[in-house]
Amino acid sequence: MNEKNSTQLLGVIDRIEDDKIVVININDRNGSIYIKKSAFKFKVYEGMWVRINFSPEPKKEEEMKLQIEQLQKKLLSRKNKK
């Protein structure tokens, strides 16, 4: 991962709602992140501190743009056939 193009946040698990949703309060920020508990590959618990990394995924973004363009073309071709 290119650290220049990433953002790291530090947060604490505030609570786990219905044993399904993990609520993380971001340290030094006014905000929270809600993540499915099943997304974690380790045991999580209230009071646990976690480091969160964000980085762009240009390849995935390009794939999605292509899918959207293909769907638009398909929908437009249907509309023109009517």
PDB file of N, CA and C in Angstrom:
ATOM      1  N   MET A   1       0.839  -1.171   0.000  1.00  0.00           N
ATOM      2  CA  MET A   1       0.000   0.000   0.000  1.00  0.00           C
ATOM      3  C   MET A   1       0.885   1.235   0.000  1.00  0.00           C
ATOM      4  N   ASN A   2       0.552   2.183  -0.834  1.00  0.00           N
ATOM      5  CA  ASN A   2       1.288   3.435  -0.902  1.00  0.00           C
ATOM      6  C   ASN A   2       0.803   4.346   0.214  1.00  0.00           C
ATOM      7  N   GLU A   3       1.639   4.555   1.224  1.00  0.00           N
ATOM      8  CA  GLU A   3       1.231   5.346   2.387  1.00  0.00           C
ATOM      9  C   GLU A   3       0.924   6.790   2.024  1.00  0.00           C
ATOM     10  N   LYS A   4       1.500   7.278   0.939  1.00  0.00           N
ATOM     11  CA  LYS A   4       1.243   8.644   0.503  1.00  0.00           C
ATOM     12  C   LYS A   4      -0.211   8.821   0.090  1.00  0.00           C
ATOM     13  N   ASN A   5      -0.808   7.765  -0.452  1.00  0.00           N
ATOM     14  CA  ASN A   5      -2.189   7.822  -0.937  1.00  0.00           C
ATOM     15  C   ASN A   5      -3.159   7.121   0.006  1.00  0.00           C
ATOM     16  N   SER A   6      -2.826   7.040   1.279  1.00  0.00           N
ATOM     17  CA  SER A   6      -3.732   6.386   2.212  1.00  0.00           C
ATOM     18  C   SER A   6      -3.963   7.269   3.432  1.00  0.00           C
ATOM     19  N   THR A   7      -5.036   6.971   4.122  1.00  0.00           N
ATOM     20  CA  THR A   7      -5.382   7.677   5.341  1.00  0.00           C
ATOM     21  C   THR A   7      -5.532   6.651   6.447  1.00  0.00           C
ATOM     22  N   GLN A   8      -4.937   6.940   7.576  1.00  0.00           N
ATOM     23  CA  GLN A   8      -5.068   6.050   8.730  1.00  0.00           C
ATOM     24  C   GLN A   8      -5.814   6.766   9.834  1.00  0.00           C
ATOM     25  N   LEU A   9      -6.766   6.064  10.416  1.00  0.00           N
ATOM     26  CA  LEU A   9      -7.502   6.580  11.555  1.00  0.00           C
ATOM     27  C   LEU A   9      -7.356   5.607  12.712  1.00  0.00           C
ATOM     28  N   LEU A  10      -7.455   6.133  13.900  1.00  0.00           N
ATOM     29  CA  LEU A  10      -7.426   5.309  15.098  1.00  0.00           C
ATOM     30  C   LEU A  10      -8.783   5.439  15.761  1.00  0.00           C
ATOM     31  N   GLY A  11      -9.359   4.320  16.137  1.00  0.00           N
ATOM     32  CA  GLY A  11     -10.673   4.362  16.753  1.00  0.00           C
ATOM     33  C   GLY A  11     -10.826   3.309  17.824  1.00  0.00           C
ATOM     34  N   VAL A  12     -11.897   3.451  18.583  1.00  0.00           N
ATOM     35  CA  VAL A  12     -12.199   2.491  19.648  1.00  0.00           C
ATOM     36  C   VAL A  12     -13.587   1.926  19.402  1.00  0.00           C
ATOM     37  N   ILE A  13     -13.728   0.631  19.611  1.00  0.00           N
ATOM     38  CA  ILE A  13     -15.032   0.002  19.454  1.00  0.00           C
ATOM     39  C   ILE A  13     -15.895   0.424  20.630  1.00  0.00           C
ATOM     40  N   ASP A  14     -16.898   1.212  20.320  1.00  0.00           N
ATOM     41  CA  ASP A  14     -17.797   1.746  21.333  1.00  0.00           C
ATOM     42  C   ASP A  14     -18.806   0.695  21.782  1.00  0.00           C
ATOM     43  N   ARG A  15     -19.381   0.002  20.790  1.00  0.00           N
ATOM     44  CA  ARG A  15     -20.389  -1.006  21.102  1.00  0.00           C
ATOM     45  C   ARG A  15     -20.565  -1.938  19.907  1.00  0.00           C
ATOM     46  N   ILE A  16     -21.218  -3.053  20.180  1.00  0.00           N
ATOM     47  CA  ILE A  16     -21.585  -4.002  19.137  1.00  0.00           C
ATOM     48  C   ILE A  16     -23.091  -4.173  19.230  1.00  0.00           C
ATOM     49  N   GLU A  17     -23.792  -3.724  18.199  1.00  0.00           N
ATOM     50  CA  GLU A  17     -25.259  -3.719  18.199  1.00  0.00           C
ATOM     51  C   GLU A  17     -25.804  -5.047  17.694  1.00  0.00           C
ATOM     52  N   ASP A  18     -26.665  -5.663  18.489  1.00  0.00           N
ATOM     53  CA  ASP A  18     -27.330  -6.930  18.139  1.00  0.00           C
ATOM     54  C   ASP A  18     -26.338  -8.011  17.723  1.00  0.00           C
ATOM     55  N   ASP A  19     -25.121  -7.939  18.222  1.00  0.00           N
ATOM     56  CA  ASP A  19     -24.053  -8.899  17.896  1.00  0.00           C
ATOM     57  C   ASP A  19     -23.788  -8.963  16.388  1.00  0.00           C
ATOM     58  N   LYS A  20     -24.120  -7.869  15.666  1.00  0.00           N
ATOM     59  CA  LYS A  20     -23.960  -7.849  14.213  1.00  0.00           C
ATOM     60  C   LYS A  20     -23.199  -6.631  13.702  1.00  0.00           C
ATOM     61  N   ILE A  21     -23.409  -5.469  14.325  1.00  0.00           N
ATOM     62  CA  ILE A  21     -22.832  -4.227  13.821  1.00  0.00           C
ATOM     63  C   ILE A  21     -21.849  -3.665  14.848  1.00  0.00           C
ATOM     64  N   VAL A  22     -20.625  -3.426  14.403  1.00  0.00           N
ATOM     65  CA  VAL A  22     -19.584  -2.859  15.255  1.00  0.00           C
ATOM     66  C   VAL A  22     -19.555  -1.348  15.036  1.00  0.00           C
ATOM     67  N   VAL A  23     -19.685  -0.599  16.122  1.00  0.00           N
ATOM     68  CA  VAL A  23     -19.668   0.860  16.056  1.00  0.00           C
ATOM     69  C   VAL A  23     -18.316   1.325  16.581  1.00  0.00           C
ATOM     70  N   ILE A  24     -17.558   1.981  15.705  1.00  0.00           N
ATOM     71  CA  ILE A  24     -16.218   2.458  16.053  1.00  0.00           C
ATOM     72  C   ILE A  24     -16.239   3.971  16.119  1.00  0.00           C
ATOM     73  N   ASN A  25     -15.889   4.513  17.264  1.00  0.00           N
ATOM     74  CA  ASN A  25     -15.738   5.962  17.411  1.00  0.00           C
ATOM     75  C   ASN A  25     -14.327   6.336  17.004  1.00  0.00           C
ATOM     76  N   ILE A  26     -14.225   7.306  16.117  1.00  0.00           N
ATOM     77  CA  ILE A  26     -12.933   7.725  15.592  1.00  0.00           C
ATOM     78  C   ILE A  26     -12.262   8.679  16.573  1.00  0.00           C
ATOM     79  N   ASN A  27     -11.025   8.375  16.913  1.00  0.00           N
ATOM     80  CA  ASN A  27     -10.246   9.192  17.835  1.00  0.00           C
ATOM     81  C   ASN A  27      -9.949  10.556  17.200  1.00  0.00           C
ATOM     82  N   ASP A  28     -10.097  11.602  17.962  1.00  0.00           N
ATOM     83  CA  ASP A  28      -9.805  12.980  17.523  1.00  0.00           C
ATOM     84  C   ASP A  28     -10.671  13.446  16.360  1.00  0.00           C
ATOM     85  N   ARG A  29     -11.795  12.813  16.129  1.00  0.00           N
ATOM     86  CA  ARG A  29     -12.726  13.208  15.057  1.00  0.00           C
ATOM     87  C   ARG A  29     -14.138  13.149  15.619  1.00  0.00           C
ATOM     88  N   ASN A  30     -15.015  13.870  15.044  1.00  0.00           N
ATOM     89  CA  ASN A  30     -16.418  13.776  15.435  1.00  0.00           C
ATOM     90  C   ASN A  30     -17.118  12.834  14.478  1.00  0.00           C
ATOM     91  N   GLY A  31     -17.028  11.560  14.745  1.00  0.00           N
ATOM     92  CA  GLY A  31     -17.696  10.631  13.853  1.00  0.00           C
ATOM     93  C   GLY A  31     -17.539   9.195  14.304  1.00  0.00           C
ATOM     94  N   SER A  32     -18.353   8.366  13.690  1.00  0.00           N
ATOM     95  CA  SER A  32     -18.336   6.935  13.964  1.00  0.00           C
ATOM     96  C   SER A  32     -18.410   6.184  12.648  1.00  0.00           C
ATOM     97  N   ILE A  33     -17.954   4.963  12.687  1.00  0.00           N
ATOM     98  CA  ILE A  33     -18.038   4.075  11.533  1.00  0.00           C
ATOM     99  C   ILE A  33     -18.796   2.830  11.974  1.00  0.00           C
ATOM    100  N   TYR A  34     -19.713   2.390  11.120  1.00  0.00           N
ATOM    101  CA  TYR A  34     -20.494   1.184  11.393  1.00  0.00           C
ATOM    102  C   TYR A  34     -20.050   0.108  10.408  1.00  0.00           C
ATOM    103  N   ILE A  35     -19.626  -1.040  10.942  1.00  0.00           N
ATOM    104  CA  ILE A  35     -19.128  -2.128  10.096  1.00  0.00           C
ATOM    105  C   ILE A  35     -19.741  -3.441  10.571  1.00  0.00           C
ATOM    106  N   LYS A  36     -20.110  -4.292   9.616  1.00  0.00           N
ATOM    107  CA  LYS A  36     -20.634  -5.607   9.985  1.00  0.00           C
ATOM    108  C   LYS A  36     -19.565  -6.366  10.769  1.00  0.00           C
ATOM    109  N   LYS A  37     -19.983  -7.005  11.829  1.00  0.00           N
ATOM    110  CA  LYS A  37     -19.055  -7.774  12.661  1.00  0.00           C
ATOM    111  C   LYS A  37     -18.388  -8.880  11.841  1.00  0.00           C
ATOM    112  N   SER A  38     -19.125  -9.448  10.898  1.00  0.00           N
ATOM    113  CA  SER A  38     -18.603 -10.545  10.080  1.00  0.00           C
ATOM    114  C   SER A  38     -17.443 -10.102   9.175  1.00  0.00           C
ATOM    115  N   ALA A  39     -17.250  -8.778   9.016  1.00  0.00           N
ATOM    116  CA  ALA A  39     -16.156  -8.290   8.165  1.00  0.00           C
ATOM    117  C   ALA A  39     -14.791  -8.416   8.849  1.00  0.00           C
ATOM    118  N   PHE A  40     -14.795  -8.585  10.153  1.00  0.00           N
ATOM    119  CA  PHE A  40     -13.527  -8.686  10.881  1.00  0.00           C
ATOM    120  C   PHE A  40     -13.010 -10.114  10.865  1.00  0.00           C
ATOM    121  N   LYS A  41     -11.707 -10.253  10.685  1.00  0.00           N
ATOM    122  CA  LYS A  41     -11.076 -11.573  10.660  1.00  0.00           C
ATOM    123  C   LYS A  41     -10.445 -11.891  12.011  1.00  0.00           C
ATOM    124  N   PHE A  42     -10.815 -11.121  13.009  1.00  0.00           N
ATOM    125  CA  PHE A  42     -10.325 -11.358  14.372  1.00  0.00           C
ATOM    126  C   PHE A  42     -11.461 -11.044  15.328  1.00  0.00           C
ATOM    127  N   LYS A  43     -11.329 -11.520  16.550  1.00  0.00           N
ATOM    128  CA  LYS A  43     -12.367 -11.285  17.551  1.00  0.00           C
ATOM    129  C   LYS A  43     -12.373  -9.811  17.935  1.00  0.00           C
ATOM    130  N   VAL A  44     -13.553  -9.207  17.962  1.00  0.00           N
ATOM    131  CA  VAL A  44     -13.688  -7.804  18.353  1.00  0.00           C
ATOM    132  C   VAL A  44     -14.501  -7.714  19.632  1.00  0.00           C
ATOM    133  N   TYR A  45     -14.229  -6.664  20.391  1.00  0.00           N
ATOM    134  CA  TYR A  45     -14.949  -6.476  21.650  1.00  0.00           C
ATOM    135  C   TYR A  45     -14.982  -4.987  21.986  1.00  0.00           C
ATOM    136  N   GLU A  46     -15.946  -4.608  22.815  1.00  0.00           N
ATOM    137  CA  GLU A  46     -16.093  -3.224  23.224  1.00  0.00           C
ATOM    138  C   GLU A  46     -14.841  -2.770  23.968  1.00  0.00           C
ATOM    139  N   GLY A  47     -14.385  -1.567  23.642  1.00  0.00           N
ATOM    140  CA  GLY A  47     -13.178  -1.029  24.263  1.00  0.00           C
ATOM    141  C   GLY A  47     -11.900  -1.331  23.498  1.00  0.00           C
ATOM    142  N   MET A  48     -11.983  -2.164  22.477  1.00  0.00           N
ATOM    143  CA  MET A  48     -10.804  -2.520  21.667  1.00  0.00           C
ATOM    144  C   MET A  48     -10.434  -1.355  20.754  1.00  0.00           C
ATOM    145  N   TRP A  49      -9.169  -1.012  20.704  1.00  0.00           N
ATOM    146  CA  TRP A  49      -8.679   0.023  19.792  1.00  0.00           C
ATOM    147  C   TRP A  49      -8.277  -0.631  18.478  1.00  0.00           C
ATOM    148  N   VAL A  50      -8.626   0.019  17.384  1.00  0.00           N
ATOM    149  CA  VAL A  50      -8.313  -0.505  16.054  1.00  0.00           C
ATOM    150  C   VAL A  50      -7.771   0.608  15.167  1.00  0.00           C
ATOM    151  N   ARG A  51      -6.902   0.223  14.264  1.00  0.00           N
ATOM    152  CA  ARG A  51      -6.373   1.144  13.258  1.00  0.00           C
ATOM    153  C   ARG A  51      -7.111   0.868  11.955  1.00  0.00           C
ATOM    154  N   ILE A  52      -7.584   1.940  11.333  1.00  0.00           N
ATOM    155  CA  ILE A  52      -8.375   1.834  10.106  1.00  0.00           C
ATOM    156  C   ILE A  52      -7.594   2.499   8.979  1.00  0.00           C
ATOM    157  N   ASN A  53      -7.424   1.789   7.887  1.00  0.00           N
ATOM    158  CA  ASN A  53      -6.684   2.308   6.733  1.00  0.00           C
ATOM    159  C   ASN A  53      -7.617   2.477   5.545  1.00  0.00           C
ATOM    160  N   PHE A  54      -7.556   3.637   4.921  1.00  0.00           N
ATOM    161  CA  PHE A  54      -8.292   3.909   3.695  1.00  0.00           C
ATOM    162  C   PHE A  54      -7.294   4.221   2.598  1.00  0.00           C
ATOM    163  N   SER A  55      -7.516   3.627   1.442  1.00  0.00           N
ATOM    164  CA  SER A  55      -6.679   3.951   0.284  1.00  0.00           C
ATOM    165  C   SER A  55      -7.525   3.787  -0.975  1.00  0.00           C
ATOM    166  N   PRO A  56      -7.226   4.566  -1.999  1.00  0.00           N
ATOM    167  CA  PRO A  56      -8.012   4.481  -3.233  1.00  0.00           C
ATOM    168  C   PRO A  56      -7.795   3.153  -3.948  1.00  0.00           C
ATOM    169  N   GLU A  57      -8.804   2.736  -4.683  1.00  0.00           N
ATOM    170  CA  GLU A  57      -8.745   1.512  -5.485  1.00  0.00           C
ATOM    171  C   GLU A  57      -9.106   1.866  -6.928  1.00  0.00           C
ATOM    172  N   PRO A  58      -8.181   2.504  -7.659  1.00  0.00           N
ATOM    173  CA  PRO A  58      -8.506   2.964  -9.021  1.00  0.00           C
ATOM    174  C   PRO A  58      -8.893   1.836  -9.973  1.00  0.00           C
ATOM    175  N   LYS A  59      -8.314   0.658  -9.809  1.00  0.00           N
ATOM    176  CA  LYS A  59      -8.648  -0.453 -10.700  1.00  0.00           C
ATOM    177  C   LYS A  59     -10.115  -0.860 -10.522  1.00  0.00           C
ATOM    178  N   LYS A  60     -10.555  -0.960  -9.271  1.00  0.00           N
ATOM    179  CA  LYS A  60     -11.944  -1.318  -8.994  1.00  0.00           C
ATOM    180  C   LYS A  60     -12.888  -0.217  -9.479  1.00  0.00           C
ATOM    181  N   GLU A  61     -12.474   1.024  -9.312  1.00  0.00           N
ATOM    182  CA  GLU A  61     -13.283   2.155  -9.764  1.00  0.00           C
ATOM    183  C   GLU A  61     -13.489   2.092 -11.284  1.00  0.00           C
ATOM    184  N   GLU A  62     -12.437   1.793 -12.014  1.00  0.00           N
ATOM    185  CA  GLU A  62     -12.517   1.691 -13.470  1.00  0.00           C
ATOM    186  C   GLU A  62     -13.430   0.536 -13.883  1.00  0.00           C
ATOM    187  N   GLU A  63     -13.326  -0.601 -13.176  1.00  0.00           N
ATOM    188  CA  GLU A  63     -14.195  -1.744 -13.466  1.00  0.00           C
ATOM    189  C   GLU A  63     -15.667  -1.363 -13.303  1.00  0.00           C
ATOM    190  N   MET A  64     -15.976  -0.640 -12.233  1.00  0.00           N
ATOM    191  CA  MET A  64     -17.357  -0.231 -11.981  1.00  0.00           C
ATOM    192  C   MET A  64     -17.854   0.744 -13.041  1.00  0.00           C
ATOM    193  N   LYS A  65     -17.001   1.669 -13.466  1.00  0.00           N
ATOM    194  CA  LYS A  65     -17.385   2.611 -14.515  1.00  0.00           C
ATOM    195  C   LYS A  65     -17.734   1.870 -15.800  1.00  0.00           C
ATOM    196  N   LEU A  66     -16.938   0.869 -16.144  1.00  0.00           N
ATOM    197  CA  LEU A  66     -17.207   0.082 -17.345  1.00  0.00           C
ATOM    198  C   LEU A  66     -18.527  -0.675 -17.231  1.00  0.00           C
ATOM    199  N   GLN A  67     -18.796  -1.239 -16.061  1.00  0.00           N
ATOM    200  CA  GLN A  67     -20.059  -1.952 -15.853  1.00  0.00           C
ATOM    201  C   GLN A  67     -21.246  -1.006 -15.997  1.00  0.00           C
ATOM    202  N   ILE A  68     -21.117   0.176 -15.444  1.00  0.00           N
ATOM    203  CA  ILE A  68     -22.199   1.164 -15.534  1.00  0.00           C
ATOM    204  C   ILE A  68     -22.428   1.574 -16.987  1.00  0.00           C
ATOM    205  N   GLU A  69     -21.348   1.815 -17.721  1.00  0.00           N
ATOM    206  CA  GLU A  69     -21.468   2.181 -19.139  1.00  0.00           C
ATOM    207  C   GLU A  69     -22.168   1.081 -19.926  1.00  0.00           C
ATOM    208  N   GLN A  70     -21.812  -0.173 -19.657  1.00  0.00           N
ATOM    209  CA  GLN A  70     -22.442  -1.291 -20.361  1.00  0.00           C
ATOM    210  C   GLN A  70     -23.933  -1.372 -20.042  1.00  0.00           C
ATOM    211  N   LEU A  71     -24.281  -1.165 -18.771  1.00  0.00           N
ATOM    212  CA  LEU A  71     -25.694  -1.182 -18.399  1.00  0.00           C
ATOM    213  C   LEU A  71     -26.459  -0.032 -19.055  1.00  0.00           C
ATOM    214  N   GLN A  72     -25.841   1.141 -19.106  1.00  0.00           N
ATOM    215  CA  GLN A  72     -26.480   2.285 -19.749  1.00  0.00           C
ATOM    216  C   GLN A  72     -26.738   2.007 -21.228  1.00  0.00           C
ATOM    217  N   LYS A  73     -25.744   1.458 -21.895  1.00  0.00           N
ATOM    218  CA  LYS A  73     -25.912   1.132 -23.324  1.00  0.00           C
ATOM    219  C   LYS A  73     -27.033   0.112 -23.515  1.00  0.00           C
ATOM    220  N   LYS A  74     -27.076  -0.885 -22.634  1.00  0.00           N
ATOM    221  CA  LYS A  74     -28.099  -1.915 -22.738  1.00  0.00           C
ATOM    222  C   LYS A  74     -29.494  -1.299 -22.535  1.00  0.00           C
ATOM    223  N   LEU A  75     -29.632  -0.445 -21.523  1.00  0.00           N
ATOM    224  CA  LEU A  75     -30.906   0.205 -21.269  1.00  0.00           C
ATOM    225  C   LEU A  75     -31.312   1.136 -22.411  1.00  0.00           C
ATOM    226  N   LEU A  76     -30.367   1.883 -22.947  1.00  0.00           N
ATOM    227  CA  LEU A  76     -30.663   2.781 -24.064  1.00  0.00           C
ATOM    228  C   LEU A  76     -31.081   2.011 -25.302  1.00  0.00           C
ATOM    229  N   SER A  77     -30.445   0.880 -25.538  1.00  0.00           N
ATOM    230  CA  SER A  77     -30.805   0.081 -26.721  1.00  0.00           C
ATOM    231  C   SER A  77     -32.213  -0.493 -26.565  1.00  0.00           C
ATOM    232  N   ARG A  78     -32.623  -0.842 -25.355  1.00  0.00           N
ATOM    233  CA  ARG A  78     -33.993  -1.306 -25.111  1.00  0.00           C
ATOM    234  C   ARG A  78     -34.994  -0.194 -25.389  1.00  0.00           C
ATOM    235  N   LYS A  79     -34.660   1.002 -24.903  1.00  0.00           N
ATOM    236  CA  LYS A  79     -35.546   2.164 -25.069  1.00  0.00           C
ATOM    237  C   LYS A  79     -35.740   2.484 -26.552  1.00  0.00           C
ATOM    238  N   ASN A  80     -34.665   2.398 -27.321  1.00  0.00           N
ATOM    239  CA  ASN A  80     -34.714   2.720 -28.752  1.00  0.00           C
ATOM    240  C   ASN A  80     -35.504   1.673 -29.547  1.00  0.00           C
ATOM    241  N   LYS A  81     -35.620   0.454 -29.039  1.00  0.00           N
ATOM    242  CA  LYS A  81     -36.343  -0.616 -29.745  1.00  0.00           C
ATOM    243  C   LYS A  81     -37.850  -0.456 -29.608  1.00  0.00           C
ATOM    244  N   LYS A  82     -38.300   0.322 -28.620  1.00  0.00           N
ATOM    245  CA  LYS A  82     -39.761   0.475 -28.385  1.00  0.00           C
ATOM    246  C   LYS A  82     -40.406   1.366 -29.393  1.00  0.00           C
TER     247      LYS A  82
END
